[in-house]
Amino acid sequence: MFDEVTGLPVHVLVVHAVVVLLPLTALTAITYALVPRWRTILRWPMPIGATLSLGFVYAAGESGGELFAGRAAELRGAELAAAVAHEEQGELLLWYALAFFAVSLMSALLLSSTGYSSTRDQDRRGATKPLQFALAALLVVVAAGTGYQTVLTGHGGSRAVWGAEQ
């Protein structure tokens, strides 16, 4: 299932969705956390993007595993080490994407669209001001970390394919 589509490795196709959508969604999440007046607009695109990103990261991992299994015998030395390092980075990215999905969904449900000062919105959503502040800070940290891990994983993959100097 995760092997080829019309002769092209699925991994090559899916990885482009990851490297575009995941950092874009991470930037959306950071904006959502830091600019309360935009929360109404970004409330659902953020967790939807995180959900799609999680699916694409999973598909990239599965297809990458199949690609690696099919080509492992051809790889030697530095190429093999780069491919293994990329695989490890990709496994870590899956955990980042999962955490990002969870935090973005909690944020969409619990952060008010008026910032940290609305008592009426707090009562409606059930989140206190300190919880909203902590959740917004957590969202920024997890989104930034996920974006960074995406860049590291993608760079590791390009090293594995193109053999760039480390």
C-alpha atoms as a PDB file:
ATOM      1  CA  MET A   1       0.000   0.000   0.000  1.00  0.00           C
ATOM      2  CA  PHE A   2       2.815   2.423   0.852  1.00  0.00           C
ATOM      3  CA  ASP A   3       5.145   1.292  -1.917  1.00  0.00           C
ATOM      4  CA  GLU A   4       4.526   3.032  -5.276  1.00  0.00           C
ATOM      5  CA  VAL A   5       1.997   5.155  -7.148  1.00  0.00           C
ATOM      6  CA  THR A   6       2.344   5.145 -10.937  1.00  0.00           C
ATOM      7  CA  GLY A   7       5.965   4.074 -10.602  1.00  0.00           C
ATOM      8  CA  LEU A   8       6.968   6.738  -8.070  1.00  0.00           C
ATOM      9  CA  PRO A   9       7.758   5.884  -4.459  1.00  0.00           C
ATOM     10  CA  VAL A  10       4.902   6.995  -2.201  1.00  0.00           C
ATOM     11  CA  HIS A  11       7.445   8.378   0.267  1.00  0.00           C
ATOM     12  CA  VAL A  12       8.690  10.933  -2.251  1.00  0.00           C
ATOM     13  CA  LEU A  13       5.131  12.129  -2.855  1.00  0.00           C
ATOM     14  CA  VAL A  14       3.918  12.173   0.748  1.00  0.00           C
ATOM     15  CA  VAL A  15       7.003  13.807   2.224  1.00  0.00           C
ATOM     16  CA  HIS A  16       6.282  16.976   0.260  1.00  0.00           C
ATOM     17  CA  ALA A  17       2.905  17.263   1.972  1.00  0.00           C
ATOM     18  CA  VAL A  18       4.650  16.935   5.342  1.00  0.00           C
ATOM     19  CA  VAL A  19       7.333  19.551   4.716  1.00  0.00           C
ATOM     20  CA  VAL A  20       4.772  22.076   3.484  1.00  0.00           C
ATOM     21  CA  LEU A  21       1.691  21.446   5.617  1.00  0.00           C
ATOM     22  CA  LEU A  22       3.275  20.750   9.014  1.00  0.00           C
ATOM     23  CA  PRO A  23       5.389  23.942   9.269  1.00  0.00           C
ATOM     24  CA  LEU A  24       2.495  25.991   7.842  1.00  0.00           C
ATOM     25  CA  THR A  25       0.160  24.552  10.472  1.00  0.00           C
ATOM     26  CA  ALA A  26       2.789  25.182  13.163  1.00  0.00           C
ATOM     27  CA  LEU A  27       2.952  28.858  12.133  1.00  0.00           C
ATOM     28  CA  THR A  28      -0.839  28.970  12.203  1.00  0.00           C
ATOM     29  CA  ALA A  29      -0.794  27.553  15.732  1.00  0.00           C
ATOM     30  CA  ILE A  30       1.780  30.082  16.926  1.00  0.00           C
ATOM     31  CA  THR A  31      -0.351  32.876  15.476  1.00  0.00           C
ATOM     32  CA  TYR A  32      -3.427  31.357  17.126  1.00  0.00           C
ATOM     33  CA  ALA A  33      -1.674  31.343  20.495  1.00  0.00           C
ATOM     34  CA  LEU A  34      -0.182  34.839  20.298  1.00  0.00           C
ATOM     35  CA  VAL A  35      -2.921  36.818  18.517  1.00  0.00           C
ATOM     36  CA  PRO A  36      -6.229  36.219  20.350  1.00  0.00           C
ATOM     37  CA  ARG A  37      -8.303  38.295  17.918  1.00  0.00           C
ATOM     38  CA  TRP A  38      -7.431  35.834  15.106  1.00  0.00           C
ATOM     39  CA  ARG A  39      -8.562  32.792  17.072  1.00  0.00           C
ATOM     40  CA  THR A  40     -12.062  32.840  15.633  1.00  0.00           C
ATOM     41  CA  ILE A  41     -10.657  32.541  12.112  1.00  0.00           C
ATOM     42  CA  LEU A  42      -7.904  30.024  12.937  1.00  0.00           C
ATOM     43  CA  ARG A  43      -9.798  27.909  15.497  1.00  0.00           C
ATOM     44  CA  TRP A  44     -10.618  25.024  13.125  1.00  0.00           C
ATOM     45  CA  PRO A  45      -7.980  25.321  10.379  1.00  0.00           C
ATOM     46  CA  MET A  46      -5.300  24.742  13.041  1.00  0.00           C
ATOM     47  CA  PRO A  47      -6.479  21.340  14.366  1.00  0.00           C
ATOM     48  CA  ILE A  48      -7.592  20.252  10.884  1.00  0.00           C
ATOM     49  CA  GLY A  49      -4.099  21.027   9.584  1.00  0.00           C
ATOM     50  CA  ALA A  50      -2.575  19.193  12.551  1.00  0.00           C
ATOM     51  CA  THR A  51      -4.782  16.173  11.846  1.00  0.00           C
ATOM     52  CA  LEU A  52      -3.862  16.093   8.165  1.00  0.00           C
ATOM     53  CA  SER A  53      -0.200  16.592   9.044  1.00  0.00           C
ATOM     54  CA  LEU A  54      -0.292  13.689  11.489  1.00  0.00           C
ATOM     55  CA  GLY A  55      -1.759  11.466   8.790  1.00  0.00           C
ATOM     56  CA  PHE A  56       0.869  12.535   6.271  1.00  0.00           C
ATOM     57  CA  VAL A  57       3.696  12.003   8.796  1.00  0.00           C
ATOM     58  CA  TYR A  58       2.375   8.498   9.472  1.00  0.00           C
ATOM     59  CA  ALA A  59       2.121   7.772   5.730  1.00  0.00           C
ATOM     60  CA  ALA A  60       5.638   9.150   5.186  1.00  0.00           C
ATOM     61  CA  GLY A  61       6.970   6.887   7.924  1.00  0.00           C
ATOM     62  CA  GLU A  62       5.287   3.785   6.573  1.00  0.00           C
ATOM     63  CA  SER A  63       6.267   4.491   2.981  1.00  0.00           C
ATOM     64  CA  GLY A  64       9.797   5.409   4.034  1.00  0.00           C
ATOM     65  CA  GLY A  65      10.117   2.122   5.878  1.00  0.00           C
ATOM     66  CA  GLU A  66       9.097   0.235   2.751  1.00  0.00           C
ATOM     67  CA  LEU A  67      11.442   2.297   0.605  1.00  0.00           C
ATOM     68  CA  PHE A  68      14.314   1.669   3.014  1.00  0.00           C
ATOM     69  CA  ALA A  69      13.579  -2.074   3.187  1.00  0.00           C
ATOM     70  CA  GLY A  70      13.629  -2.278  -0.587  1.00  0.00           C
ATOM     71  CA  ARG A  71      16.906  -0.392  -0.932  1.00  0.00           C
ATOM     72  CA  ALA A  72      18.794  -1.271   2.268  1.00  0.00           C
ATOM     73  CA  ALA A  73      20.945  -3.857   0.488  1.00  0.00           C
ATOM     74  CA  GLU A  74      22.200  -1.183  -1.942  1.00  0.00           C
ATOM     75  CA  LEU A  75      23.279   1.257   0.787  1.00  0.00           C
ATOM     76  CA  ARG A  76      26.776   1.259   2.271  1.00  0.00           C
ATOM     77  CA  GLY A  77      28.755   3.334   4.736  1.00  0.00           C
ATOM     78  CA  ALA A  78      27.766   6.991   4.925  1.00  0.00           C
ATOM     79  CA  GLU A  79      24.645   6.499   2.796  1.00  0.00           C
ATOM     80  CA  LEU A  80      23.370   3.788   5.133  1.00  0.00           C
ATOM     81  CA  ALA A  81      24.180   5.878   8.216  1.00  0.00           C
ATOM     82  CA  ALA A  82      22.362   8.891   6.738  1.00  0.00           C
ATOM     83  CA  ALA A  83      19.307   6.774   5.880  1.00  0.00           C
ATOM     84  CA  VAL A  84      19.184   5.266   9.391  1.00  0.00           C
ATOM     85  CA  ALA A  85      19.564   8.727  10.978  1.00  0.00           C
ATOM     86  CA  HIS A  86      16.730  10.025   8.778  1.00  0.00           C
ATOM     87  CA  GLU A  87      14.538   7.091   9.786  1.00  0.00           C
ATOM     88  CA  GLU A  88      15.168   7.832  13.478  1.00  0.00           C
ATOM     89  CA  GLN A  89      14.377  11.527  12.955  1.00  0.00           C
ATOM     90  CA  GLY A  90      11.169  10.550  11.179  1.00  0.00           C
ATOM     91  CA  GLU A  91      10.104   8.301  14.065  1.00  0.00           C
ATOM     92  CA  LEU A  92      10.678  11.215  16.441  1.00  0.00           C
ATOM     93  CA  LEU A  93       8.704  13.520  14.135  1.00  0.00           C
ATOM     94  CA  LEU A  94       5.695  11.207  14.447  1.00  0.00           C
ATOM     95  CA  TRP A  95       5.703  11.774  18.228  1.00  0.00           C
ATOM     96  CA  TYR A  96       6.061  15.528  17.747  1.00  0.00           C
ATOM     97  CA  ALA A  97       3.158  15.533  15.278  1.00  0.00           C
ATOM     98  CA  LEU A  98       1.030  13.520  17.698  1.00  0.00           C
ATOM     99  CA  ALA A  99       1.746  15.934  20.559  1.00  0.00           C
ATOM    100  CA  PHE A 100       1.093  18.883  18.237  1.00  0.00           C
ATOM    101  CA  PHE A 101      -2.242  17.387  17.205  1.00  0.00           C
ATOM    102  CA  ALA A 102      -3.303  16.891  20.841  1.00  0.00           C
ATOM    103  CA  VAL A 103      -2.247  20.359  22.005  1.00  0.00           C
ATOM    104  CA  SER A 104      -3.788  22.088  18.982  1.00  0.00           C
ATOM    105  CA  LEU A 105      -7.097  20.316  19.543  1.00  0.00           C
ATOM    106  CA  MET A 106      -7.103  21.219  23.261  1.00  0.00           C
ATOM    107  CA  SER A 107      -6.239  24.802  22.354  1.00  0.00           C
ATOM    108  CA  ALA A 108      -9.044  25.041  19.806  1.00  0.00           C
ATOM    109  CA  LEU A 109     -11.497  23.850  22.439  1.00  0.00           C
ATOM    110  CA  LEU A 110     -10.234  25.749  25.482  1.00  0.00           C
ATOM    111  CA  LEU A 111      -8.650  29.033  24.411  1.00  0.00           C
ATOM    112  CA  SER A 112     -11.023  31.958  24.242  1.00  0.00           C
ATOM    113  CA  SER A 113     -11.106  34.230  21.232  1.00  0.00           C
ATOM    114  CA  THR A 114     -10.883  37.363  23.369  1.00  0.00           C
ATOM    115  CA  GLY A 115      -7.582  36.699  25.099  1.00  0.00           C
ATOM    116  CA  TYR A 116      -7.053  36.016  28.769  1.00  0.00           C
ATOM    117  CA  SER A 117      -9.383  38.602  30.280  1.00  0.00           C
ATOM    118  CA  SER A 118     -12.936  37.582  29.473  1.00  0.00           C
ATOM    119  CA  THR A 119     -14.796  36.166  32.447  1.00  0.00           C
ATOM    120  CA  ARG A 120     -17.854  35.356  30.336  1.00  0.00           C
ATOM    121  CA  ASP A 121     -15.782  33.393  27.802  1.00  0.00           C
ATOM    122  CA  GLN A 122     -13.953  31.600  30.627  1.00  0.00           C
ATOM    123  CA  ASP A 123     -17.231  30.408  32.063  1.00  0.00           C
ATOM    124  CA  ARG A 124     -18.447  29.254  28.675  1.00  0.00           C
ATOM    125  CA  ARG A 125     -15.267  27.355  27.841  1.00  0.00           C
ATOM    126  CA  GLY A 126     -14.392  26.275  31.376  1.00  0.00           C
ATOM    127  CA  ALA A 127     -10.771  27.461  31.128  1.00  0.00           C
ATOM    128  CA  THR A 128      -9.357  29.885  33.656  1.00  0.00           C
ATOM    129  CA  LYS A 129      -6.983  32.709  32.719  1.00  0.00           C
ATOM    130  CA  PRO A 130      -3.880  30.865  34.014  1.00  0.00           C
ATOM    131  CA  LEU A 131      -4.882  27.712  32.142  1.00  0.00           C
ATOM    132  CA  GLN A 132      -5.427  29.680  28.946  1.00  0.00           C
ATOM    133  CA  PHE A 133      -2.036  31.356  29.291  1.00  0.00           C
ATOM    134  CA  ALA A 134      -0.304  28.029  30.021  1.00  0.00           C
ATOM    135  CA  LEU A 135      -2.051  26.314  27.115  1.00  0.00           C
ATOM    136  CA  ALA A 136      -1.125  29.131  24.727  1.00  0.00           C
ATOM    137  CA  ALA A 137       2.512  28.914  25.883  1.00  0.00           C
ATOM    138  CA  LEU A 138       2.481  25.126  25.488  1.00  0.00           C
ATOM    139  CA  LEU A 139       1.029  25.483  21.995  1.00  0.00           C
ATOM    140  CA  VAL A 140       3.841  27.853  20.986  1.00  0.00           C
ATOM    141  CA  VAL A 141       6.515  25.516  22.362  1.00  0.00           C
ATOM    142  CA  VAL A 142       5.060  22.364  20.797  1.00  0.00           C
ATOM    143  CA  ALA A 143       4.406  24.076  17.450  1.00  0.00           C
ATOM    144  CA  ALA A 144       7.931  25.515  17.308  1.00  0.00           C
ATOM    145  CA  GLY A 145       9.445  22.184  18.279  1.00  0.00           C
ATOM    146  CA  THR A 146       7.387  20.363  15.673  1.00  0.00           C
ATOM    147  CA  GLY A 147       8.405  22.833  12.978  1.00  0.00           C
ATOM    148  CA  TYR A 148      12.049  22.485  13.958  1.00  0.00           C
ATOM    149  CA  GLN A 149      11.882  18.679  13.978  1.00  0.00           C
ATOM    150  CA  THR A 150      10.238  18.782  10.547  1.00  0.00           C
ATOM    151  CA  VAL A 151      13.153  20.798   9.182  1.00  0.00           C
ATOM    152  CA  LEU A 152      15.708  18.454  10.790  1.00  0.00           C
ATOM    153  CA  THR A 153      13.966  15.380   9.426  1.00  0.00           C
ATOM    154  CA  GLY A 154      13.612  16.831   5.946  1.00  0.00           C
ATOM    155  CA  HIS A 155      17.232  17.937   5.911  1.00  0.00           C
ATOM    156  CA  GLY A 156      18.319  14.476   7.048  1.00  0.00           C
ATOM    157  CA  GLY A 157      16.295  12.953   4.246  1.00  0.00           C
ATOM    158  CA  SER A 158      17.880  15.204   1.650  1.00  0.00           C
ATOM    159  CA  ARG A 159      21.314  14.247   3.000  1.00  0.00           C
ATOM    160  CA  ALA A 160      20.400  10.577   2.709  1.00  0.00           C
ATOM    161  CA  VAL A 161      19.257  10.990  -0.902  1.00  0.00           C
ATOM    162  CA  TRP A 162      21.712  13.533  -2.259  1.00  0.00           C
ATOM    163  CA  GLY A 163      24.733  12.567  -0.154  1.00  0.00           C
ATOM    164  CA  ALA A 164      25.472  16.108   1.028  1.00  0.00           C
ATOM    165  CA  GLU A 165      28.365  16.664   3.403  1.00  0.00           C
ATOM    166  CA  GLN A 166      27.406  16.470   7.040  1.00  0.00           C
END
